[in-house]
PDB file of N, CA and C in Angstrom:
ATOM      1  N   UNK A   1       0.717  -1.479  -0.098  1.00  0.00           N
ATOM      2  CA  UNK A   1      -0.291   0.236  -0.248  1.00  0.00           C
ATOM      3  C   UNK A   1       1.180   1.764   0.010  1.00  0.00           C
ATOM      4  N   UNK A   2       1.526   1.267   0.976  1.00  0.00           N
ATOM      5  CA  UNK A   2       2.728   2.583   0.824  1.00  0.00           C
ATOM      6  C   UNK A   2       3.866   2.835   0.305  1.00  0.00           C
ATOM      7  N   UNK A   3       4.176   1.262  -0.601  1.00  0.00           N
ATOM      8  CA  UNK A   3       4.557   1.069  -2.087  1.00  0.00           C
ATOM      9  C   UNK A   3       3.548   2.392  -2.534  1.00  0.00           C
ATOM     10  N   UNK A   4       2.601   1.715  -2.996  1.00  0.00           N
ATOM     11  CA  UNK A   4       1.370   2.709  -4.143  1.00  0.00           C
ATOM     12  C   UNK A   4       1.991   3.581  -3.937  1.00  0.00           C
ATOM     13  N   UNK A   5       1.247   4.819  -3.120  1.00  0.00           N
ATOM     14  CA  UNK A   5       2.102   6.276  -2.629  1.00  0.00           C
ATOM     15  C   UNK A   5       2.980   6.478  -3.136  1.00  0.00           C
ATOM     16  N   UNK A   6       3.856   5.772  -3.382  1.00  0.00           N
ATOM     17  CA  UNK A   6       5.431   6.570  -3.344  1.00  0.00           C
ATOM     18  C   UNK A   6       5.698   7.053  -4.791  1.00  0.00           C
ATOM     19  N   UNK A   7       5.373   5.783  -4.951  1.00  0.00           N
ATOM     20  CA  UNK A   7       5.339   5.682  -6.747  1.00  0.00           C
ATOM     21  C   UNK A   7       4.538   6.397  -7.139  1.00  0.00           C
ATOM     22  N   UNK A   8       2.986   7.355  -6.754  1.00  0.00           N
ATOM     23  CA  UNK A   8       2.278   7.850  -7.373  1.00  0.00           C
ATOM     24  C   UNK A   8       2.758   9.925  -6.529  1.00  0.00           C
ATOM     25  N   UNK A   9       3.136   9.675  -5.533  1.00  0.00           N
ATOM     26  CA  UNK A   9       4.155  11.088  -5.793  1.00  0.00           C
ATOM     27  C   UNK A   9       5.124  11.297  -6.490  1.00  0.00           C
ATOM     28  N   UNK A  10       6.189  10.154  -6.679  1.00  0.00           N
ATOM     29  CA  UNK A  10       6.994  10.189  -7.765  1.00  0.00           C
ATOM     30  C   UNK A  10       7.020  10.279  -9.110  1.00  0.00           C
ATOM     31  N   UNK A  11       5.477  10.038  -9.484  1.00  0.00           N
ATOM     32  CA  UNK A  11       4.757   9.759 -10.908  1.00  0.00           C
ATOM     33  C   UNK A  11       4.378  11.645 -11.069  1.00  0.00           C
ATOM     34  N   UNK A  12       3.949  11.724 -10.366  1.00  0.00           N
ATOM     35  CA  UNK A  12       3.675  13.327  -9.500  1.00  0.00           C
ATOM     36  C   UNK A  12       4.175  14.259 -10.103  1.00  0.00           C
ATOM     37  N   UNK A  13       5.763  14.331  -9.247  1.00  0.00           N
ATOM     38  CA  UNK A  13       6.799  14.954  -9.395  1.00  0.00           C
ATOM     39  C   UNK A  13       7.396  14.755 -11.287  1.00  0.00           C
ATOM     40  N   UNK A  14       7.138  14.035 -10.860  1.00  0.00           N
ATOM     41  CA  UNK A  14       8.112  13.856 -12.623  1.00  0.00           C
ATOM     42  C   UNK A  14       6.807  14.414 -13.592  1.00  0.00           C
ATOM     43  N   UNK A  15       5.412  13.852 -13.792  1.00  0.00           N
ATOM     44  CA  UNK A  15       4.696  14.452 -15.342  1.00  0.00           C
ATOM     45  C   UNK A  15       5.217  16.021 -14.713  1.00  0.00           C
ATOM     46  N   UNK A  16       5.416  16.799 -13.082  1.00  0.00           N
ATOM     47  CA  UNK A  16       5.374  18.299 -13.143  1.00  0.00           C
ATOM     48  C   UNK A  16       5.852  18.283 -14.116  1.00  0.00           C
ATOM     49  N   UNK A  17       7.158  17.961 -13.907  1.00  0.00           N
ATOM     50  CA  UNK A  17       8.293  18.450 -14.004  1.00  0.00           C
ATOM     51  C   UNK A  17       8.679  18.413 -15.754  1.00  0.00           C
ATOM     52  N   UNK A  18       8.488  17.556 -16.796  1.00  0.00           N
ATOM     53  CA  UNK A  18       7.760  17.190 -17.987  1.00  0.00           C
ATOM     54  C   UNK A  18       7.304  18.403 -18.299  1.00  0.00           C
ATOM     55  N   UNK A  19       5.915  19.032 -17.682  1.00  0.00           N
ATOM     56  CA  UNK A  19       5.197  19.188 -18.206  1.00  0.00           C
ATOM     57  C   UNK A  19       5.656  21.201 -17.676  1.00  0.00           C
ATOM     58  N   UNK A  20       7.071  20.740 -17.303  1.00  0.00           N
ATOM     59  CA  UNK A  20       7.694  22.449 -16.539  1.00  0.00           C
ATOM     60  C   UNK A  20       8.482  22.398 -18.151  1.00  0.00           C
ATOM     61  N   UNK A  21       9.219  21.093 -18.282  1.00  0.00           N
ATOM     62  CA  UNK A  21      10.121  21.479 -19.551  1.00  0.00           C
ATOM     63  C   UNK A  21       9.988  21.894 -21.071  1.00  0.00           C
ATOM     64  N   UNK A  22       8.099  21.276 -20.822  1.00  0.00           N
ATOM     65  CA  UNK A  22       7.737  21.140 -21.995  1.00  0.00           C
ATOM     66  C   UNK A  22       7.107  22.629 -22.219  1.00  0.00           C
ATOM     67  N   UNK A  23       6.549  23.222 -21.491  1.00  0.00           N
ATOM     68  CA  UNK A  23       6.052  24.820 -21.103  1.00  0.00           C
ATOM     69  C   UNK A  23       7.381  26.182 -21.491  1.00  0.00           C
ATOM     70  N   UNK A  24       8.587  25.484 -21.091  1.00  0.00           N
ATOM     71  CA  UNK A  24       9.574  26.541 -21.356  1.00  0.00           C
ATOM     72  C   UNK A  24       9.870  26.079 -22.388  1.00  0.00           C
ATOM     73  N   UNK A  25       9.776  24.912 -23.507  1.00  0.00           N
ATOM     74  CA  UNK A  25      10.190  24.902 -24.463  1.00  0.00           C
ATOM     75  C   UNK A  25       9.681  25.736 -25.477  1.00  0.00           C
ATOM     76  N   UNK A  26       8.678  26.005 -25.266  1.00  0.00           N
ATOM     77  CA  UNK A  26       6.959  26.842 -26.972  1.00  0.00           C
ATOM     78  C   UNK A  26       7.626  28.156 -26.493  1.00  0.00           C
ATOM     79  N   UNK A  27       7.882  28.474 -25.389  1.00  0.00           N
ATOM     80  CA  UNK A  27       8.728  30.273 -24.970  1.00  0.00           C
ATOM     81  C   UNK A  27       9.395  30.063 -26.033  1.00  0.00           C
TER      82      UNK A  27
END
């Protein structure tokens, strides 16, 4: 159970960072 929440947290951070990178490239 705890592992799932950790994976979800990591995935959230990763997707957020990817989104910021894409936005930065569009400027």
